Structures are given as C-alpha cells and as structure tokens.
Amino acid sequence: MSRSKLRSVLLGLGTAAAMLGTTQATAVTTGTPASAEVSPATSYSCTVPPGYTYTAATLVSFCGGTGLSPYYTIELPSTGLWACLVPPGFTYTQTTRVTWCDPHGSMTNQYRLLKL
C-alpha cells in the first residue's frame, strides 16, 4: 500500500471515529521509515495533549471555530517513532522532509525520536 493511500485510509478512520464520538482507532504498522507508521495506541485529536507527539496532521471543519482547523494523529512518544514534534524528554537521531506533518501540506521535518 502506498504511503499516500495508507495516510488517506488512516485519516479516514480518524474522521469516522470523530463522527461517531470516539477518538480511538487502530491500524497495522507498516515498518516503512518516515511514513505514517501507526501503532495500536494511535488516536486522533484536535490538539496535541501534553506528553504526546503527532505523526500526521490535516485540516478539518469539525474541530471548532470557523473554517478549517488542524486535526492530528497523536501517539505517546517512544524511541524509534517518526514524529512531527520532538516532545520534552526526547531528542532525535534522524530527520526527513515530509508533507504530512504540516496540516497545509507544506514540506517540513519529521524526526526519529530517541528518549533521553
């Protein structure tokens, strides 16, 4: 499955979960570096809560306010995770340029996390 197709499927799961009033969804980890790798602990949120990081972002109309707002694929950080945000207590060992970390689709960094 291509990265863009996997991302579309995962974001669709998040949208469906939000419409049902839940925020938990799961998918299979592909093992592809710097892709939308997803663990069973993946959730979707209109914000990135303290203690979490995010692995993808898109724009949606159901996160409040007027117009489009960011919607994040969030996970608890762990060593080896490719993340869009380096949370406190972590550093990174690699970076890559991707479009799925920016809700507008601009190129930005993704980081391979390492716990301090």
N, C-alpha and C. Protein backbone atom coordinates (compact mmCIF):
# COMPACT_ATOMS: atom_id res chain seq x y z
N MET A 1 0.85 -1.17 0.00
CA MET A 1 0.00 0.00 0.00
C MET A 1 0.89 1.23 0.00
N SER A 2 0.59 2.20 -0.85
CA SER A 2 1.41 3.40 -0.93
C SER A 2 1.23 4.26 0.32
N ARG A 3 2.22 5.11 0.57
CA ARG A 3 2.17 5.99 1.74
C ARG A 3 0.94 6.90 1.70
N SER A 4 0.68 7.48 0.53
CA SER A 4 -0.45 8.41 0.45
C SER A 4 -1.77 7.68 0.63
N LYS A 5 -1.87 6.46 0.10
CA LYS A 5 -3.11 5.69 0.28
C LYS A 5 -3.28 5.30 1.74
N LEU A 6 -2.19 4.85 2.40
CA LEU A 6 -2.25 4.50 3.81
C LEU A 6 -2.66 5.71 4.64
N ARG A 7 -2.07 6.87 4.34
CA ARG A 7 -2.42 8.08 5.08
C ARG A 7 -3.89 8.43 4.90
N SER A 8 -4.39 8.29 3.67
CA SER A 8 -5.80 8.58 3.41
C SER A 8 -6.71 7.65 4.20
N VAL A 9 -6.34 6.37 4.24
CA VAL A 9 -7.13 5.39 5.00
C VAL A 9 -7.12 5.75 6.48
N LEU A 10 -5.94 6.06 7.01
CA LEU A 10 -5.82 6.37 8.43
C LEU A 10 -6.56 7.65 8.80
N LEU A 11 -6.45 8.67 7.96
CA LEU A 11 -7.16 9.91 8.24
C LEU A 11 -8.67 9.70 8.13
N GLY A 12 -9.09 8.83 7.20
CA GLY A 12 -10.50 8.49 7.08
C GLY A 12 -11.02 7.79 8.32
N LEU A 13 -10.18 6.90 8.90
CA LEU A 13 -10.55 6.24 10.15
C LEU A 13 -10.74 7.26 11.27
N GLY A 14 -9.85 8.24 11.31
CA GLY A 14 -9.95 9.27 12.33
C GLY A 14 -11.20 10.10 12.16
N THR A 15 -11.53 10.44 10.93
CA THR A 15 -12.74 11.21 10.67
C THR A 15 -13.97 10.42 11.08
N ALA A 16 -13.99 9.13 10.71
CA ALA A 16 -15.13 8.28 11.07
C ALA A 16 -15.25 8.16 12.59
N ALA A 17 -14.13 8.00 13.27
CA ALA A 17 -14.16 7.88 14.73
C ALA A 17 -14.69 9.17 15.36
N ALA A 18 -14.26 10.31 14.84
CA ALA A 18 -14.72 11.58 15.39
C ALA A 18 -16.22 11.77 15.17
N MET A 19 -16.71 11.34 14.02
CA MET A 19 -18.14 11.47 13.74
C MET A 19 -18.97 10.56 14.64
N LEU A 20 -18.37 9.45 15.09
CA LEU A 20 -19.07 8.53 15.98
C LEU A 20 -18.93 8.94 17.44
N GLY A 21 -18.15 9.99 17.70
CA GLY A 21 -17.98 10.47 19.06
C GLY A 21 -16.89 9.74 19.82
N THR A 22 -16.04 9.01 19.11
CA THR A 22 -14.91 8.33 19.75
C THR A 22 -13.63 8.87 19.16
N THR A 23 -12.51 8.62 19.83
CA THR A 23 -11.25 9.11 19.31
C THR A 23 -10.21 8.01 19.20
N GLN A 24 -10.60 6.76 19.30
CA GLN A 24 -9.64 5.67 19.24
C GLN A 24 -9.82 4.91 17.94
N ALA A 25 -8.73 4.68 17.23
CA ALA A 25 -8.74 3.87 16.02
C ALA A 25 -7.42 3.13 15.96
N THR A 26 -7.40 2.02 15.25
CA THR A 26 -6.17 1.26 15.14
C THR A 26 -5.87 0.93 13.69
N ALA A 27 -4.61 0.61 13.43
CA ALA A 27 -4.20 0.18 12.11
C ALA A 27 -2.94 -0.67 12.26
N VAL A 28 -2.50 -1.27 11.18
CA VAL A 28 -1.33 -2.13 11.19
C VAL A 28 -0.09 -1.28 10.93
N THR A 29 0.98 -1.52 11.68
CA THR A 29 2.24 -0.84 11.45
C THR A 29 2.88 -1.39 10.18
N THR A 30 3.32 -0.51 9.29
CA THR A 30 3.89 -0.94 8.03
C THR A 30 5.40 -1.17 8.12
N GLY A 31 6.07 -0.51 9.07
CA GLY A 31 7.51 -0.64 9.18
C GLY A 31 8.25 0.23 8.17
N THR A 32 7.57 1.01 7.38
CA THR A 32 8.21 1.88 6.41
C THR A 32 8.72 3.12 7.12
N PRO A 33 10.03 3.40 7.06
CA PRO A 33 10.54 4.56 7.76
C PRO A 33 9.94 5.86 7.23
N ALA A 34 9.76 6.80 8.13
CA ALA A 34 9.29 8.14 7.81
C ALA A 34 7.94 8.14 7.11
N SER A 35 7.17 7.11 7.31
CA SER A 35 5.82 7.08 6.74
C SER A 35 4.82 7.31 7.86
N ALA A 36 3.57 7.17 7.56
CA ALA A 36 2.54 7.32 8.59
C ALA A 36 2.46 6.04 9.40
N GLU A 37 3.54 5.69 10.10
CA GLU A 37 3.56 4.49 10.93
C GLU A 37 2.56 4.66 12.06
N VAL A 38 1.77 3.63 12.29
CA VAL A 38 0.71 3.72 13.27
C VAL A 38 0.77 2.53 14.21
N SER A 39 0.69 2.79 15.49
CA SER A 39 0.66 1.71 16.48
C SER A 39 -0.76 1.56 16.97
N PRO A 40 -1.05 0.47 17.68
CA PRO A 40 -2.41 0.31 18.22
C PRO A 40 -2.80 1.42 19.20
N ALA A 41 -1.84 2.19 19.70
CA ALA A 41 -2.13 3.26 20.65
C ALA A 41 -2.40 4.59 19.96
N THR A 42 -2.50 4.59 18.65
CA THR A 42 -2.73 5.83 17.90
C THR A 42 -4.14 6.35 18.14
N SER A 43 -4.24 7.66 18.34
CA SER A 43 -5.52 8.34 18.49
C SER A 43 -5.53 9.57 17.61
N TYR A 44 -6.67 10.22 17.54
CA TYR A 44 -6.83 11.40 16.71
C TYR A 44 -7.39 12.51 17.57
N SER A 45 -6.89 13.75 17.38
CA SER A 45 -7.28 14.83 18.26
C SER A 45 -7.17 16.18 17.55
N CYS A 46 -7.97 17.13 18.02
CA CYS A 46 -7.90 18.50 17.50
C CYS A 46 -6.75 19.28 18.13
N THR A 47 -6.13 18.73 19.17
CA THR A 47 -4.95 19.32 19.81
C THR A 47 -3.95 18.21 20.10
N VAL A 48 -2.72 18.60 20.38
CA VAL A 48 -1.69 17.63 20.80
C VAL A 48 -1.55 17.80 22.31
N PRO A 49 -2.08 16.84 23.09
CA PRO A 49 -2.04 16.97 24.55
C PRO A 49 -0.62 16.87 25.10
N PRO A 50 -0.37 17.44 26.27
CA PRO A 50 0.94 17.31 26.91
C PRO A 50 1.29 15.82 27.06
N GLY A 51 2.55 15.49 26.80
CA GLY A 51 3.01 14.11 26.92
C GLY A 51 2.85 13.31 25.65
N TYR A 52 2.25 13.89 24.61
CA TYR A 52 2.06 13.22 23.33
C TYR A 52 2.86 13.92 22.24
N THR A 53 2.98 13.25 21.11
CA THR A 53 3.52 13.85 19.90
C THR A 53 2.53 13.56 18.79
N TYR A 54 2.79 14.05 17.60
CA TYR A 54 1.91 13.70 16.48
C TYR A 54 2.71 13.21 15.29
N THR A 55 2.07 12.38 14.47
CA THR A 55 2.74 11.75 13.33
C THR A 55 2.14 12.19 12.00
N ALA A 56 1.04 12.92 12.02
CA ALA A 56 0.43 13.45 10.81
C ALA A 56 -0.56 14.53 11.20
N ALA A 57 -0.85 15.43 10.27
CA ALA A 57 -1.83 16.48 10.52
C ALA A 57 -2.58 16.77 9.23
N THR A 58 -3.81 17.14 9.38
CA THR A 58 -4.64 17.53 8.24
C THR A 58 -5.57 18.65 8.69
N LEU A 59 -6.32 19.20 7.78
CA LEU A 59 -7.28 20.25 8.12
C LEU A 59 -8.69 19.67 8.06
N VAL A 60 -9.51 20.02 9.06
CA VAL A 60 -10.89 19.54 9.13
C VAL A 60 -11.80 20.70 9.56
N SER A 61 -13.09 20.51 9.38
CA SER A 61 -14.04 21.55 9.76
C SER A 61 -14.73 21.28 11.08
N PHE A 62 -14.47 20.12 11.72
CA PHE A 62 -15.22 19.75 12.93
C PHE A 62 -14.45 19.96 14.23
N CYS A 63 -13.34 20.69 14.21
CA CYS A 63 -12.57 20.91 15.44
C CYS A 63 -12.91 22.21 16.14
N GLY A 64 -13.98 22.85 15.76
CA GLY A 64 -14.40 24.07 16.43
C GLY A 64 -14.00 25.31 15.68
N GLY A 65 -14.60 26.40 16.05
CA GLY A 65 -14.30 27.66 15.40
C GLY A 65 -14.90 27.70 14.00
N THR A 66 -14.47 28.69 13.24
CA THR A 66 -14.94 28.79 11.86
C THR A 66 -13.81 28.39 10.93
N GLY A 67 -14.16 27.88 9.79
CA GLY A 67 -13.15 27.47 8.82
C GLY A 67 -12.52 26.14 9.20
N LEU A 68 -11.34 25.91 8.66
CA LEU A 68 -10.63 24.65 8.88
C LEU A 68 -9.63 24.77 10.02
N SER A 69 -9.50 23.69 10.78
CA SER A 69 -8.56 23.63 11.91
C SER A 69 -7.72 22.38 11.80
N PRO A 70 -6.51 22.38 12.39
CA PRO A 70 -5.68 21.18 12.35
C PRO A 70 -6.30 20.01 13.12
N TYR A 71 -6.07 18.81 12.62
CA TYR A 71 -6.51 17.56 13.23
C TYR A 71 -5.30 16.63 13.20
N TYR A 72 -4.90 16.12 14.36
CA TYR A 72 -3.62 15.42 14.50
C TYR A 72 -3.79 13.92 14.74
N THR A 73 -2.86 13.16 14.21
CA THR A 73 -2.71 11.75 14.56
C THR A 73 -1.71 11.75 15.71
N ILE A 74 -2.16 11.42 16.92
CA ILE A 74 -1.31 11.56 18.10
C ILE A 74 -0.90 10.19 18.64
N GLU A 75 0.27 10.15 19.25
CA GLU A 75 0.80 8.94 19.88
C GLU A 75 1.64 9.32 21.08
N LEU A 76 1.77 8.39 21.99
CA LEU A 76 2.76 8.56 23.06
C LEU A 76 4.13 8.42 22.43
N PRO A 77 5.06 9.30 22.75
CA PRO A 77 6.39 9.21 22.14
C PRO A 77 7.15 7.98 22.61
N SER A 78 7.99 7.45 21.73
CA SER A 78 8.85 6.32 22.06
C SER A 78 10.07 6.34 21.15
N THR A 79 11.14 5.72 21.60
CA THR A 79 12.36 5.64 20.80
C THR A 79 12.05 4.93 19.49
N GLY A 80 12.50 5.52 18.39
CA GLY A 80 12.31 4.94 17.07
C GLY A 80 11.10 5.45 16.32
N LEU A 81 10.18 6.11 17.00
CA LEU A 81 8.98 6.63 16.35
C LEU A 81 9.34 7.81 15.46
N TRP A 82 8.83 7.84 14.25
CA TRP A 82 8.96 9.01 13.39
C TRP A 82 7.85 9.97 13.77
N ALA A 83 8.19 11.14 14.27
CA ALA A 83 7.21 12.09 14.80
C ALA A 83 7.41 13.47 14.18
N CYS A 84 6.36 14.25 14.19
CA CYS A 84 6.40 15.61 13.66
C CYS A 84 6.80 16.63 14.71
N LEU A 85 6.81 16.23 15.96
CA LEU A 85 7.12 17.12 17.08
C LEU A 85 8.03 16.36 18.06
N VAL A 86 9.13 16.99 18.47
CA VAL A 86 10.03 16.38 19.45
C VAL A 86 9.56 16.82 20.84
N PRO A 87 8.98 15.89 21.62
CA PRO A 87 8.45 16.28 22.93
C PRO A 87 9.54 16.38 23.98
N PRO A 88 9.25 17.03 25.12
CA PRO A 88 10.22 17.10 26.21
C PRO A 88 10.64 15.70 26.64
N GLY A 89 11.93 15.56 26.95
CA GLY A 89 12.46 14.26 27.37
C GLY A 89 12.96 13.40 26.22
N PHE A 90 12.87 13.93 24.99
CA PHE A 90 13.32 13.22 23.81
C PHE A 90 14.24 14.10 22.99
N THR A 91 15.07 13.48 22.20
CA THR A 91 15.85 14.15 21.16
C THR A 91 15.59 13.34 19.89
N TYR A 92 16.36 13.57 18.84
CA TYR A 92 16.16 12.82 17.61
C TYR A 92 17.49 12.40 17.01
N THR A 93 17.45 11.31 16.23
CA THR A 93 18.65 10.76 15.61
C THR A 93 18.68 10.96 14.10
N GLN A 94 17.53 11.22 13.50
CA GLN A 94 17.43 11.44 12.05
C GLN A 94 16.30 12.42 11.78
N THR A 95 16.38 13.07 10.63
CA THR A 95 15.26 13.86 10.15
C THR A 95 15.00 13.49 8.70
N THR A 96 13.81 13.77 8.27
CA THR A 96 13.46 13.64 6.87
C THR A 96 12.42 14.71 6.55
N ARG A 97 12.30 15.07 5.29
CA ARG A 97 11.34 16.09 4.87
C ARG A 97 10.07 15.40 4.38
N VAL A 98 8.93 15.82 4.90
CA VAL A 98 7.64 15.22 4.56
C VAL A 98 6.58 16.31 4.42
N THR A 99 5.46 15.96 3.85
CA THR A 99 4.34 16.90 3.74
C THR A 99 3.25 16.64 4.76
N TRP A 100 3.17 15.44 5.32
CA TRP A 100 2.05 15.10 6.20
C TRP A 100 2.18 15.63 7.62
N CYS A 101 3.29 16.25 7.98
CA CYS A 101 3.41 16.85 9.32
C CYS A 101 2.81 18.25 9.37
N ASP A 102 2.61 18.87 8.22
CA ASP A 102 2.03 20.21 8.15
C ASP A 102 0.58 20.09 7.69
N PRO A 103 -0.38 20.64 8.44
CA PRO A 103 -1.78 20.48 8.05
C PRO A 103 -2.11 21.09 6.68
N HIS A 104 -1.27 22.02 6.21
CA HIS A 104 -1.49 22.63 4.90
C HIS A 104 -0.75 21.89 3.80
N GLY A 105 0.03 20.86 4.15
CA GLY A 105 0.74 20.05 3.16
C GLY A 105 2.08 20.60 2.72
N SER A 106 2.62 21.57 3.44
CA SER A 106 3.95 22.11 3.11
C SER A 106 5.03 21.14 3.60
N MET A 107 6.18 21.19 2.95
CA MET A 107 7.31 20.36 3.37
C MET A 107 7.81 20.83 4.74
N THR A 108 8.03 19.88 5.64
CA THR A 108 8.54 20.17 6.97
C THR A 108 9.30 18.96 7.47
N ASN A 109 9.96 19.08 8.60
CA ASN A 109 10.75 17.97 9.15
C ASN A 109 9.89 16.95 9.89
N GLN A 110 10.34 15.71 9.81
CA GLN A 110 9.84 14.64 10.65
C GLN A 110 11.09 14.09 11.35
N TYR A 111 10.93 13.68 12.62
CA TYR A 111 12.08 13.32 13.47
C TYR A 111 11.96 11.89 13.96
N ARG A 112 13.09 11.17 13.94
CA ARG A 112 13.14 9.83 14.54
C ARG A 112 13.53 10.01 16.00
N LEU A 113 12.61 9.70 16.91
CA LEU A 113 12.79 10.02 18.33
C LEU A 113 13.75 9.08 19.06
N LEU A 114 14.42 9.65 20.07
CA LEU A 114 15.28 8.91 20.98
C LEU A 114 15.04 9.46 22.38
N LYS A 115 14.66 8.57 23.31
CA LYS A 115 14.40 9.00 24.69
C LYS A 115 15.71 9.38 25.35
N LEU A 116 15.73 10.49 26.06
CA LEU A 116 16.92 10.95 26.77
C LEU A 116 17.14 10.14 28.03
